[in-house]
Amino acid sequence: MTRTLVTGAAGFIGSHLVEALLDRGDEVIGVDSFDPLYPRAVKEENLAAAEGRTGFHFVELDVRERDRLAPLLAADTVVVHLAARAGVRQSVADPAGFAAVNVGGTAAVLEAMRAAGATRLAFASSSSVYGADTPLPFREDAPAMRPVSPYGATKRAGELLIQALAPLAGLRVASLRLFTVFGPRQRPDLAMHAFARRMLEDAPITLFGEGQSRDYTFVADAVAGILAAIDWTADVAAGTVEHFNLGANRPVLLDAMVRDLAHALGVVPRIERAPMQPGDVSRTAADPTRAATVLHYAPRTSFASGIERFVAWFRETYEFAH
């Protein structure tokens, strides 16, 4: 049995990960600050399936509170650091706030681990670290030094902090660059969720830019990659940091996403066009070769199947009539 602490446990990916860890028999400590990006009640509902299960313990705290975080850790605890302020456009409006949580929070997690003697870490990074000028598909050995949003910059800064401290603290780290995760419990501010709500309300949706595409990753596939990364950290040398893309190199055009989402919802979307927004990139696509080779990562969910599962959850959760 592995003892795992998950930061951001009440979030979209975190809540799915907590359940997967419990399903395989791990002891799980979940922490979350209930950041007000979206309503607390939504995050509490995310955790509902885990609450009360044997082996699960939840603590409400901000990861920057390292004096409260460190006592939750032991030398054999694996840390999965998902907690962060999220959103490219939000980060453009509040770069200082994003840096405080995403960089300061990561530094605090690393300090808490060092104080407890914990060495195994899976860190949730982002495809946003690659910026706009990295050749497609993105490879982990690309320089990734020109992110175009403060969010991407804070994630890259977190990676660099980890790389600096890993040899000093004997850390064994999988840095996971996640690509546009979607599925049940997706955050309300993300495009697919926001579009679904507006379509079912017969409200127009705004598409920014022309020809944009994203490499969508279904949440169950992302969680499978995180689980594999957790296990990988058990066998690597102290001081090791490896970056892994968790994507599929199956980019979907924005217009195609809207078409497929509208078809699954059974509606005809009302579309408005606007210029591309600051901080956005035109395209993302992961080269998953390293993750496939090292972690045996193999995303199994097609985009069409993922959309159907997202829509089923959305209708049930928000009680839109079929």
C-alpha atoms as a PDB file:
ATOM      1  CA  MET A   1       0.000   0.000   0.000  1.00  0.00           C
ATOM      2  CA  THR A   2       1.308   3.417  -1.000  1.00  0.00           C
ATOM      3  CA  ARG A   3       0.670   6.521   1.103  1.00  0.00           C
ATOM      4  CA  THR A   4      -0.056   9.377  -1.294  1.00  0.00           C
ATOM      5  CA  LEU A   5      -0.759  13.043  -0.647  1.00  0.00           C
ATOM      6  CA  VAL A   6      -2.665  14.777  -3.453  1.00  0.00           C
ATOM      7  CA  THR A   7      -2.739  18.572  -3.575  1.00  0.00           C
ATOM      8  CA  GLY A   8      -5.700  20.031  -5.444  1.00  0.00           C
ATOM      9  CA  ALA A   9      -7.645  16.907  -4.497  1.00  0.00           C
ATOM     10  CA  ALA A  10     -11.076  18.530  -4.880  1.00  0.00           C
ATOM     11  CA  GLY A  11     -10.406  19.703  -8.422  1.00  0.00           C
ATOM     12  CA  PHE A  12     -11.286  18.140 -11.762  1.00  0.00           C
ATOM     13  CA  ILE A  13      -8.255  15.893 -12.213  1.00  0.00           C
ATOM     14  CA  GLY A  14      -7.478  15.605  -8.507  1.00  0.00           C
ATOM     15  CA  SER A  15     -10.827  14.115  -7.542  1.00  0.00           C
ATOM     16  CA  HIS A  16     -10.591  11.470 -10.283  1.00  0.00           C
ATOM     17  CA  LEU A  17      -7.045  10.646  -9.188  1.00  0.00           C
ATOM     18  CA  VAL A  18      -8.076  10.286  -5.537  1.00  0.00           C
ATOM     19  CA  GLU A  19     -10.720   7.712  -6.499  1.00  0.00           C
ATOM     20  CA  ALA A  20      -8.281   5.797  -8.712  1.00  0.00           C
ATOM     21  CA  LEU A  21      -5.708   5.665  -5.909  1.00  0.00           C
ATOM     22  CA  LEU A  22      -8.315   4.432  -3.426  1.00  0.00           C
ATOM     23  CA  ASP A  23      -9.520   1.838  -5.942  1.00  0.00           C
ATOM     24  CA  ARG A  24      -6.061   0.313  -6.069  1.00  0.00           C
ATOM     25  CA  GLY A  25      -5.770   0.231  -2.283  1.00  0.00           C
ATOM     26  CA  ASP A  26      -3.626   3.280  -1.545  1.00  0.00           C
ATOM     27  CA  GLU A  27      -3.947   5.427   1.544  1.00  0.00           C
ATOM     28  CA  VAL A  28      -4.742   8.948   0.333  1.00  0.00           C
ATOM     29  CA  ILE A  29      -4.471  12.337   2.009  1.00  0.00           C
ATOM     30  CA  GLY A  30      -6.241  14.991  -0.033  1.00  0.00           C
ATOM     31  CA  VAL A  31      -5.629  18.695   0.450  1.00  0.00           C
ATOM     32  CA  ASP A  32      -7.335  21.626  -1.245  1.00  0.00           C
ATOM     33  CA  SER A  33      -7.841  25.329  -0.529  1.00  0.00           C
ATOM     34  CA  PHE A  34     -11.158  25.627  -2.429  1.00  0.00           C
ATOM     35  CA  ASP A  35      -9.842  28.465  -4.591  1.00  0.00           C
ATOM     36  CA  PRO A  36     -12.825  30.623  -5.663  1.00  0.00           C
ATOM     37  CA  LEU A  37     -12.258  30.263  -9.429  1.00  0.00           C
ATOM     38  CA  TYR A  38     -15.500  28.293  -9.377  1.00  0.00           C
ATOM     39  CA  PRO A  39     -18.025  27.529  -6.598  1.00  0.00           C
ATOM     40  CA  ARG A  40     -16.967  25.558  -3.539  1.00  0.00           C
ATOM     41  CA  ALA A  41     -20.072  23.392  -3.871  1.00  0.00           C
ATOM     42  CA  VAL A  42     -18.806  22.066  -7.213  1.00  0.00           C
ATOM     43  CA  LYS A  43     -15.530  20.936  -5.629  1.00  0.00           C
ATOM     44  CA  GLU A  44     -17.329  19.424  -2.656  1.00  0.00           C
ATOM     45  CA  GLU A  45     -19.441  17.410  -5.078  1.00  0.00           C
ATOM     46  CA  ASN A  46     -16.234  16.279  -6.839  1.00  0.00           C
ATOM     47  CA  LEU A  47     -15.057  14.779  -3.546  1.00  0.00           C
ATOM     48  CA  ALA A  48     -18.388  13.203  -2.609  1.00  0.00           C
ATOM     49  CA  ALA A  49     -17.504   9.766  -3.968  1.00  0.00           C
ATOM     50  CA  ALA A  50     -14.265   9.646  -1.950  1.00  0.00           C
ATOM     51  CA  GLU A  51     -15.569  11.020   1.334  1.00  0.00           C
ATOM     52  CA  GLY A  52     -16.102   8.264   3.860  1.00  0.00           C
ATOM     53  CA  ARG A  53     -14.076   5.668   1.980  1.00  0.00           C
ATOM     54  CA  THR A  54     -11.548   3.656   3.929  1.00  0.00           C
ATOM     55  CA  GLY A  55      -8.075   5.087   3.519  1.00  0.00           C
ATOM     56  CA  PHE A  56      -9.105   8.646   2.608  1.00  0.00           C
ATOM     57  CA  HIS A  57      -8.418  11.694   4.759  1.00  0.00           C
ATOM     58  CA  PHE A  58      -9.062  15.285   3.661  1.00  0.00           C
ATOM     59  CA  VAL A  59      -7.489  18.472   4.998  1.00  0.00           C
ATOM     60  CA  GLU A  60      -8.478  21.945   3.858  1.00  0.00           C
ATOM     61  CA  LEU A  61      -5.356  24.069   3.507  1.00  0.00           C
ATOM     62  CA  ASP A  62      -3.407  26.250   1.116  1.00  0.00           C
ATOM     63  CA  VAL A  63      -0.226  24.481  -0.026  1.00  0.00           C
ATOM     64  CA  ARG A  64       1.727  27.641   0.801  1.00  0.00           C
ATOM     65  CA  GLU A  65       1.070  26.810   4.480  1.00  0.00           C
ATOM     66  CA  ARG A  66       4.109  24.564   4.606  1.00  0.00           C
ATOM     67  CA  ASP A  67       4.068  24.356   8.423  1.00  0.00           C
ATOM     68  CA  ARG A  68       0.638  22.690   8.180  1.00  0.00           C
ATOM     69  CA  LEU A  69       1.550  20.641   5.138  1.00  0.00           C
ATOM     70  CA  ALA A  70       4.815  19.114   6.393  1.00  0.00           C
ATOM     71  CA  PRO A  71       3.257  17.185   9.336  1.00  0.00           C
ATOM     72  CA  LEU A  72       0.968  15.389   6.857  1.00  0.00           C
ATOM     73  CA  LEU A  73       4.016  13.860   5.174  1.00  0.00           C
ATOM     74  CA  ALA A  74       6.328  11.019   6.111  1.00  0.00           C
ATOM     75  CA  ALA A  75       9.483   9.796   4.432  1.00  0.00           C
ATOM     76  CA  ASP A  76       7.538   7.176   2.468  1.00  0.00           C
ATOM     77  CA  THR A  77       4.771   9.536   1.293  1.00  0.00           C
ATOM     78  CA  VAL A  78       4.385  10.084  -2.433  1.00  0.00           C
ATOM     79  CA  VAL A  79       3.292  13.631  -3.302  1.00  0.00           C
ATOM     80  CA  VAL A  80       1.165  14.432  -6.357  1.00  0.00           C
ATOM     81  CA  HIS A  81       1.185  18.195  -6.718  1.00  0.00           C
ATOM     82  CA  LEU A  82      -1.824  19.263  -8.776  1.00  0.00           C
ATOM     83  CA  ALA A  83      -2.836  22.394  -6.850  1.00  0.00           C
ATOM     84  CA  ALA A  84      -2.438  25.586  -8.864  1.00  0.00           C
ATOM     85  CA  ARG A  85      -4.276  28.608 -10.083  1.00  0.00           C
ATOM     86  CA  ALA A  86      -5.426  27.667 -13.561  1.00  0.00           C
ATOM     87  CA  GLY A  87      -6.465  29.492 -16.693  1.00  0.00           C
ATOM     88  CA  VAL A  88      -4.423  31.195 -19.392  1.00  0.00           C
ATOM     89  CA  ARG A  89      -6.615  34.269 -19.719  1.00  0.00           C
ATOM     90  CA  GLN A  90      -7.055  34.643 -15.969  1.00  0.00           C
ATOM     91  CA  SER A  91      -3.281  34.624 -15.602  1.00  0.00           C
ATOM     92  CA  VAL A  92      -2.950  37.524 -18.042  1.00  0.00           C
ATOM     93  CA  ALA A  93      -5.221  39.536 -15.729  1.00  0.00           C
ATOM     94  CA  ASP A  94      -3.444  38.500 -12.496  1.00  0.00           C
ATOM     95  CA  PRO A  95       0.169  37.445 -13.077  1.00  0.00           C
ATOM     96  CA  ALA A  96       1.228  38.259  -9.507  1.00  0.00           C
ATOM     97  CA  GLY A  97      -1.510  36.087  -8.029  1.00  0.00           C
ATOM     98  CA  PHE A  98      -0.628  33.196 -10.311  1.00  0.00           C
ATOM     99  CA  ALA A  99       3.068  33.453  -9.454  1.00  0.00           C
ATOM    100  CA  ALA A 100       2.306  33.537  -5.729  1.00  0.00           C
ATOM    101  CA  VAL A 101       0.273  30.308  -5.833  1.00  0.00           C
ATOM    102  CA  ASN A 102       1.908  28.361  -8.640  1.00  0.00           C
ATOM    103  CA  VAL A 103       5.537  29.181  -7.967  1.00  0.00           C
ATOM    104  CA  GLY A 104       5.335  29.963  -4.250  1.00  0.00           C
ATOM    105  CA  GLY A 105       3.057  26.998  -3.664  1.00  0.00           C
ATOM    106  CA  THR A 106       5.394  24.619  -5.459  1.00  0.00           C
ATOM    107  CA  ALA A 107       8.349  25.932  -3.468  1.00  0.00           C
ATOM    108  CA  ALA A 108       6.394  25.379  -0.242  1.00  0.00           C
ATOM    109  CA  VAL A 109       5.517  21.797  -1.241  1.00  0.00           C
ATOM    110  CA  LEU A 110       9.183  21.088  -1.936  1.00  0.00           C
ATOM    111  CA  GLU A 111      10.207  22.557   1.428  1.00  0.00           C
ATOM    112  CA  ALA A 112       7.572  20.467   3.221  1.00  0.00           C
ATOM    113  CA  MET A 113       8.826  17.346   1.466  1.00  0.00           C
ATOM    114  CA  ARG A 114      12.423  18.080   2.406  1.00  0.00           C
ATOM    115  CA  ALA A 115      11.426  18.663   6.055  1.00  0.00           C
ATOM    116  CA  ALA A 116       9.639  15.288   6.131  1.00  0.00           C
ATOM    117  CA  GLY A 117      12.283  13.407   4.183  1.00  0.00           C
ATOM    118  CA  ALA A 118       9.789  12.602   1.399  1.00  0.00           C
ATOM    119  CA  THR A 119      11.423  12.188  -2.017  1.00  0.00           C
ATOM    120  CA  ARG A 120       8.824  10.935  -4.533  1.00  0.00           C
ATOM    121  CA  LEU A 121       6.912  13.587  -6.483  1.00  0.00           C
ATOM    122  CA  ALA A 122       4.588  13.705  -9.497  1.00  0.00           C
ATOM    123  CA  PHE A 123       4.217  17.329 -10.562  1.00  0.00           C
ATOM    124  CA  ALA A 124       1.372  18.543 -12.772  1.00  0.00           C
ATOM    125  CA  SER A 125       2.910  20.817 -15.354  1.00  0.00           C
ATOM    126  CA  SER A 126       1.257  21.907 -18.592  1.00  0.00           C
ATOM    127  CA  SER A 127       1.576  21.979 -22.355  1.00  0.00           C
ATOM    128  CA  SER A 128       1.538  25.768 -21.893  1.00  0.00           C
ATOM    129  CA  VAL A 129       5.271  25.645 -21.068  1.00  0.00           C
ATOM    130  CA  TYR A 130       6.044  25.094 -24.769  1.00  0.00           C
ATOM    131  CA  GLY A 131       4.764  28.483 -25.923  1.00  0.00           C
ATOM    132  CA  ALA A 132       4.017  29.381 -29.531  1.00  0.00           C
ATOM    133  CA  ASP A 133       7.308  28.687 -31.288  1.00  0.00           C
ATOM    134  CA  THR A 134       7.987  25.042 -30.363  1.00  0.00           C
ATOM    135  CA  PRO A 135       7.788  22.731 -33.415  1.00  0.00           C
ATOM    136  CA  LEU A 136       4.848  20.325 -33.523  1.00  0.00           C
ATOM    137  CA  PRO A 137       4.439  17.788 -32.088  1.00  0.00           C
ATOM    138  CA  PHE A 138       5.926  19.098 -28.839  1.00  0.00           C
ATOM    139  CA  ARG A 139       8.827  17.015 -27.522  1.00  0.00           C
ATOM    140  CA  GLU A 140      10.021  17.093 -23.925  1.00  0.00           C
ATOM    141  CA  ASP A 141      13.541  18.039 -25.019  1.00  0.00           C
ATOM    142  CA  ALA A 142      12.348  21.286 -26.643  1.00  0.00           C
ATOM    143  CA  PRO A 143      13.825  24.351 -24.868  1.00  0.00           C
ATOM    144  CA  ALA A 144      10.384  25.504 -23.534  1.00  0.00           C
ATOM    145  CA  MET A 145      11.777  28.898 -22.603  1.00  0.00           C
ATOM    146  CA  ARG A 146       9.244  31.185 -24.301  1.00  0.00           C
ATOM    147  CA  PRO A 147       5.769  30.576 -22.827  1.00  0.00           C
ATOM    148  CA  VAL A 148       3.244  33.151 -24.007  1.00  0.00           C
ATOM    149  CA  SER A 149       1.094  33.365 -20.867  1.00  0.00           C
ATOM    150  CA  PRO A 150       1.894  34.007 -17.210  1.00  0.00           C
ATOM    151  CA  TYR A 151       0.252  30.650 -16.463  1.00  0.00           C
ATOM    152  CA  GLY A 152       2.700  28.855 -18.747  1.00  0.00           C
ATOM    153  CA  ALA A 153       5.585  30.828 -17.245  1.00  0.00           C
ATOM    154  CA  THR A 154       4.592  29.822 -13.706  1.00  0.00           C
ATOM    155  CA  LYS A 155       4.422  26.163 -14.683  1.00  0.00           C
ATOM    156  CA  ARG A 156       7.850  26.350 -16.302  1.00  0.00           C
ATOM    157  CA  ALA A 157       9.159  28.131 -13.207  1.00  0.00           C
ATOM    158  CA  GLY A 158       7.818  25.272 -11.102  1.00  0.00           C
ATOM    159  CA  GLU A 159       9.679  22.791 -13.280  1.00  0.00           C
ATOM    160  CA  LEU A 160      12.912  24.769 -12.917  1.00  0.00           C
ATOM    161  CA  LEU A 161      12.526  24.985  -9.134  1.00  0.00           C
ATOM    162  CA  ILE A 162      12.133  21.223  -9.009  1.00  0.00           C
ATOM    163  CA  GLN A 163      15.154  20.668 -11.240  1.00  0.00           C
ATOM    164  CA  ALA A 164      17.257  22.890  -8.964  1.00  0.00           C
ATOM    165  CA  LEU A 165      16.154  21.264  -5.713  1.00  0.00           C
ATOM    166  CA  ALA A 166      15.939  17.626  -6.790  1.00  0.00           C
ATOM    167  CA  PRO A 167      19.664  16.847  -6.493  1.00  0.00           C
ATOM    168  CA  LEU A 168      19.915  18.829  -3.260  1.00  0.00           C
ATOM    169  CA  ALA A 169      17.010  17.031  -1.575  1.00  0.00           C
ATOM    170  CA  GLY A 170      17.345  13.655  -3.292  1.00  0.00           C
ATOM    171  CA  LEU A 171      13.995  14.005  -5.031  1.00  0.00           C
ATOM    172  CA  ARG A 172      12.697  11.549  -7.618  1.00  0.00           C
ATOM    173  CA  VAL A 173      10.328  13.473  -9.857  1.00  0.00           C
ATOM    174  CA  ALA A 174       7.996  12.883 -12.783  1.00  0.00           C
ATOM    175  CA  SER A 175       7.048  16.255 -14.278  1.00  0.00           C
ATOM    176  CA  LEU A 176       3.854  15.721 -16.260  1.00  0.00           C
ATOM    177  CA  ARG A 177       2.996  18.114 -19.068  1.00  0.00           C
ATOM    178  CA  LEU A 178      -0.771  17.723 -19.391  1.00  0.00           C
ATOM    179  CA  PHE A 179      -2.545  18.500 -22.656  1.00  0.00           C
ATOM    180  CA  THR A 180      -6.136  19.917 -22.519  1.00  0.00           C
ATOM    181  CA  VAL A 181      -7.715  17.384 -20.193  1.00  0.00           C
ATOM    182  CA  PHE A 182     -11.482  16.993 -20.585  1.00  0.00           C
ATOM    183  CA  GLY A 183     -14.276  14.782 -19.314  1.00  0.00           C
ATOM    184  CA  PRO A 184     -16.713  14.567 -16.382  1.00  0.00           C
ATOM    185  CA  ARG A 185     -16.118  17.233 -13.694  1.00  0.00           C
ATOM    186  CA  GLN A 186     -14.285  19.518 -16.102  1.00  0.00           C
ATOM    187  CA  ARG A 187     -13.932  23.036 -14.698  1.00  0.00           C
ATOM    188  CA  PRO A 188     -16.845  25.359 -15.556  1.00  0.00           C
ATOM    189  CA  ASP A 189     -14.497  28.021 -16.988  1.00  0.00           C
ATOM    190  CA  LEU A 190     -12.990  25.727 -19.634  1.00  0.00           C
ATOM    191  CA  ALA A 191     -14.213  26.035 -23.209  1.00  0.00           C
ATOM    192  CA  MET A 192     -15.978  22.699 -23.615  1.00  0.00           C
ATOM    193  CA  HIS A 193     -17.931  23.106 -20.371  1.00  0.00           C
ATOM    194  CA  ALA A 194     -18.796  26.758 -21.020  1.00  0.00           C
ATOM    195  CA  PHE A 195     -19.833  26.010 -24.607  1.00  0.00           C
ATOM    196  CA  ALA A 196     -22.082  23.133 -23.523  1.00  0.00           C
ATOM    197  CA  ARG A 197     -23.912  25.324 -21.057  1.00  0.00           C
ATOM    198  CA  ARG A 198     -24.409  28.163 -23.529  1.00  0.00           C
ATOM    199  CA  MET A 199     -25.526  25.837 -26.305  1.00  0.00           C
ATOM    200  CA  LEU A 200     -28.194  24.268 -24.101  1.00  0.00           C
ATOM    201  CA  GLU A 201     -29.328  27.741 -23.067  1.00  0.00           C
ATOM    202  CA  ASP A 202     -29.555  28.659 -26.782  1.00  0.00           C
ATOM    203  CA  ALA A 203     -26.994  31.392 -26.194  1.00  0.00           C
ATOM    204  CA  PRO A 204     -24.253  32.233 -28.706  1.00  0.00           C
ATOM    205  CA  ILE A 205     -20.712  30.970 -28.194  1.00  0.00           C
ATOM    206  CA  THR A 206     -17.631  32.958 -29.149  1.00  0.00           C
ATOM    207  CA  LEU A 207     -14.778  31.293 -31.007  1.00  0.00           C
ATOM    208  CA  PHE A 208     -11.508  33.180 -30.757  1.00  0.00           C
ATOM    209  CA  GLY A 209      -9.110  33.040 -33.688  1.00  0.00           C
ATOM    210  CA  GLU A 210      -9.083  30.863 -36.812  1.00  0.00           C
ATOM    211  CA  GLY A 211      -7.708  27.367 -37.202  1.00  0.00           C
ATOM    212  CA  GLN A 212      -6.956  26.752 -33.533  1.00  0.00           C
ATOM    213  CA  SER A 213      -6.528  23.141 -32.437  1.00  0.00           C
ATOM    214  CA  ARG A 214      -5.884  21.320 -29.178  1.00  0.00           C
ATOM    215  CA  ASP A 215      -4.564  17.888 -28.283  1.00  0.00           C
ATOM    216  CA  TYR A 216      -7.431  16.727 -26.054  1.00  0.00           C
ATOM    217  CA  THR A 217      -6.728  14.147 -23.325  1.00  0.00           C
ATOM    218  CA  PHE A 218      -9.596  12.318 -21.656  1.00  0.00           C
ATOM    219  CA  VAL A 219      -9.367  12.518 -17.871  1.00  0.00           C
ATOM    220  CA  ALA A 220      -9.202   8.741 -17.331  1.00  0.00           C
ATOM    221  CA  ASP A 221      -6.203   8.564 -19.657  1.00  0.00           C
ATOM    222  CA  ALA A 222      -4.508  11.450 -17.840  1.00  0.00           C
ATOM    223  CA  VAL A 223      -5.100   9.716 -14.502  1.00  0.00           C
ATOM    224  CA  ALA A 224      -3.662   6.467 -15.860  1.00  0.00           C
ATOM    225  CA  GLY A 225      -0.546   8.403 -16.840  1.00  0.00           C
ATOM    226  CA  ILE A 226      -0.270   9.949 -13.391  1.00  0.00           C
ATOM    227  CA  LEU A 227      -0.608   6.540 -11.709  1.00  0.00           C
ATOM    228  CA  ALA A 228       2.148   5.158 -13.932  1.00  0.00           C
ATOM    229  CA  ALA A 229       4.341   8.146 -13.077  1.00  0.00           C
ATOM    230  CA  ILE A 230       3.781   7.606  -9.350  1.00  0.00           C
ATOM    231  CA  ASP A 231       4.943   4.010  -9.672  1.00  0.00           C
ATOM    232  CA  TRP A 232       7.939   5.034 -11.812  1.00  0.00           C
ATOM    233  CA  THR A 233       9.265   7.313  -9.056  1.00  0.00           C
ATOM    234  CA  ALA A 234       9.771   4.281  -6.803  1.00  0.00           C
ATOM    235  CA  ASP A 235      12.607   2.878  -8.903  1.00  0.00           C
ATOM    236  CA  VAL A 236      14.648   5.840 -10.169  1.00  0.00           C
ATOM    237  CA  ALA A 237      17.777   7.315  -8.636  1.00  0.00           C
ATOM    238  CA  ALA A 238      17.684  10.198  -6.174  1.00  0.00           C
ATOM    239  CA  GLY A 239      18.000  13.533  -7.949  1.00  0.00           C
ATOM    240  CA  THR A 240      16.181  12.310 -11.081  1.00  0.00           C
ATOM    241  CA  VAL A 241      13.729  14.645 -12.839  1.00  0.00           C
ATOM    242  CA  GLU A 242      12.026  13.558 -16.070  1.00  0.00           C
ATOM    243  CA  HIS A 243       9.421  15.423 -18.114  1.00  0.00           C
ATOM    244  CA  PHE A 244       6.602  13.455 -19.736  1.00  0.00           C
ATOM    245  CA  ASN A 245       3.921  14.624 -22.165  1.00  0.00           C
ATOM    246  CA  LEU A 246       0.477  13.291 -21.273  1.00  0.00           C
ATOM    247  CA  GLY A 247      -1.275  13.845 -24.585  1.00  0.00           C
ATOM    248  CA  ALA A 248      -2.023  11.792 -27.685  1.00  0.00           C
ATOM    249  CA  ASN A 249      -0.825  13.750 -30.741  1.00  0.00           C
ATOM    250  CA  ARG A 250      -4.424  13.753 -31.948  1.00  0.00           C
ATOM    251  CA  PRO A 251      -5.145  17.494 -32.277  1.00  0.00           C
ATOM    252  CA  VAL A 252      -8.759  18.525 -32.872  1.00  0.00           C
ATOM    253  CA  LEU A 253      -9.700  21.792 -34.561  1.00  0.00           C
ATOM    254  CA  LEU A 254     -11.770  24.151 -32.412  1.00  0.00           C
ATOM    255  CA  ASP A 255     -14.546  24.164 -35.022  1.00  0.00           C
ATOM    256  CA  ALA A 256     -14.567  20.347 -35.028  1.00  0.00           C
ATOM    257  CA  MET A 257     -14.785  20.254 -31.219  1.00  0.00           C
ATOM    258  CA  VAL A 258     -17.799  22.573 -31.341  1.00  0.00           C
ATOM    259  CA  ARG A 259     -19.408  20.495 -34.104  1.00  0.00           C
ATOM    260  CA  ASP A 260     -18.950  17.218 -32.210  1.00  0.00           C
ATOM    261  CA  LEU A 261     -20.082  18.737 -28.913  1.00  0.00           C
ATOM    262  CA  ALA A 262     -23.203  20.220 -30.525  1.00  0.00           C
ATOM    263  CA  HIS A 263     -23.990  16.885 -32.192  1.00  0.00           C
ATOM    264  CA  ALA A 264     -23.708  15.043 -28.865  1.00  0.00           C
ATOM    265  CA  LEU A 265     -25.948  17.639 -27.227  1.00  0.00           C
ATOM    266  CA  GLY A 266     -28.454  17.517 -30.090  1.00  0.00           C
ATOM    267  CA  VAL A 267     -28.380  21.252 -30.752  1.00  0.00           C
ATOM    268  CA  VAL A 268     -27.392  23.669 -33.499  1.00  0.00           C
ATOM    269  CA  PRO A 269     -24.785  26.094 -32.101  1.00  0.00           C
ATOM    270  CA  ARG A 270     -24.977  29.846 -32.576  1.00  0.00           C
ATOM    271  CA  ILE A 271     -21.401  30.904 -33.285  1.00  0.00           C
ATOM    272  CA  GLU A 272     -19.782  34.321 -33.095  1.00  0.00           C
ATOM    273  CA  ARG A 273     -16.174  35.020 -34.128  1.00  0.00           C
ATOM    274  CA  ALA A 274     -13.582  37.181 -32.390  1.00  0.00           C
ATOM    275  CA  PRO A 275      -9.805  37.723 -32.658  1.00  0.00           C
ATOM    276  CA  MET A 276      -7.425  35.381 -30.851  1.00  0.00           C
ATOM    277  CA  GLN A 277      -6.938  36.320 -27.199  1.00  0.00           C
ATOM    278  CA  PRO A 278      -3.634  37.331 -25.562  1.00  0.00           C
ATOM    279  CA  GLY A 279      -1.848  34.361 -24.004  1.00  0.00           C
ATOM    280  CA  ASP A 280      -3.446  31.754 -26.276  1.00  0.00           C
ATOM    281  CA  VAL A 281      -1.486  29.570 -28.689  1.00  0.00           C
ATOM    282  CA  SER A 282      -2.815  28.440 -32.052  1.00  0.00           C
ATOM    283  CA  ARG A 283      -2.072  24.738 -31.777  1.00  0.00           C
ATOM    284  CA  THR A 284      -0.919  22.070 -29.339  1.00  0.00           C
ATOM    285  CA  ALA A 285       0.111  18.493 -30.048  1.00  0.00           C
ATOM    286  CA  ALA A 286       2.069  16.140 -27.810  1.00  0.00           C
ATOM    287  CA  ASP A 287       4.744  13.717 -28.872  1.00  0.00           C
ATOM    288  CA  PRO A 288       3.912  10.938 -26.359  1.00  0.00           C
ATOM    289  CA  THR A 289       6.851   8.701 -27.271  1.00  0.00           C
ATOM    290  CA  ARG A 290       8.761   9.158 -24.018  1.00  0.00           C
ATOM    291  CA  ALA A 291       5.686   8.567 -21.852  1.00  0.00           C
ATOM    292  CA  ALA A 292       4.777   5.514 -23.917  1.00  0.00           C
ATOM    293  CA  THR A 293       8.287   4.079 -23.679  1.00  0.00           C
ATOM    294  CA  VAL A 294       9.044   4.802 -20.033  1.00  0.00           C
ATOM    295  CA  LEU A 295       5.604   4.836 -18.395  1.00  0.00           C
ATOM    296  CA  HIS A 296       3.790   2.553 -20.859  1.00  0.00           C
ATOM    297  CA  TYR A 297       1.314   5.389 -21.253  1.00  0.00           C
ATOM    298  CA  ALA A 298      -1.305   4.601 -23.911  1.00  0.00           C
ATOM    299  CA  PRO A 299      -4.387   6.839 -24.101  1.00  0.00           C
ATOM    300  CA  ARG A 300      -7.382   4.662 -24.941  1.00  0.00           C
ATOM    301  CA  THR A 301     -10.341   7.048 -25.152  1.00  0.00           C
ATOM    302  CA  SER A 302     -11.238   8.521 -28.538  1.00  0.00           C
ATOM    303  CA  PHE A 303     -12.274  12.145 -28.695  1.00  0.00           C
ATOM    304  CA  ALA A 304     -15.790  11.158 -29.820  1.00  0.00           C
ATOM    305  CA  SER A 305     -16.211   8.717 -26.920  1.00  0.00           C
ATOM    306  CA  GLY A 306     -14.871  11.280 -24.470  1.00  0.00           C
ATOM    307  CA  ILE A 307     -17.346  13.878 -25.713  1.00  0.00           C
ATOM    308  CA  GLU A 308     -20.239  11.442 -25.238  1.00  0.00           C
ATOM    309  CA  ARG A 309     -19.140  10.697 -21.671  1.00  0.00           C
ATOM    310  CA  PHE A 310     -18.691  14.381 -20.890  1.00  0.00           C
ATOM    311  CA  VAL A 311     -22.165  15.209 -22.226  1.00  0.00           C
ATOM    312  CA  ALA A 312     -23.807  12.381 -20.250  1.00  0.00           C
ATOM    313  CA  TRP A 313     -22.203  13.704 -17.055  1.00  0.00           C
ATOM    314  CA  PHE A 314     -23.061  17.302 -17.911  1.00  0.00           C
ATOM    315  CA  ARG A 315     -26.741  16.588 -18.468  1.00  0.00           C
ATOM    316  CA  GLU A 316     -27.018  14.537 -15.281  1.00  0.00           C
ATOM    317  CA  THR A 317     -25.140  17.054 -13.144  1.00  0.00           C
ATOM    318  CA  TYR A 318     -26.815  20.200 -14.400  1.00  0.00           C
ATOM    319  CA  GLU A 319     -30.236  18.649 -15.062  1.00  0.00           C
ATOM    320  CA  PHE A 320     -30.648  19.851 -18.618  1.00  0.00           C
ATOM    321  CA  ALA A 321     -33.473  17.992 -20.311  1.00  0.00           C
ATOM    322  CA  HIS A 322     -32.541  15.469 -22.993  1.00  0.00           C
END
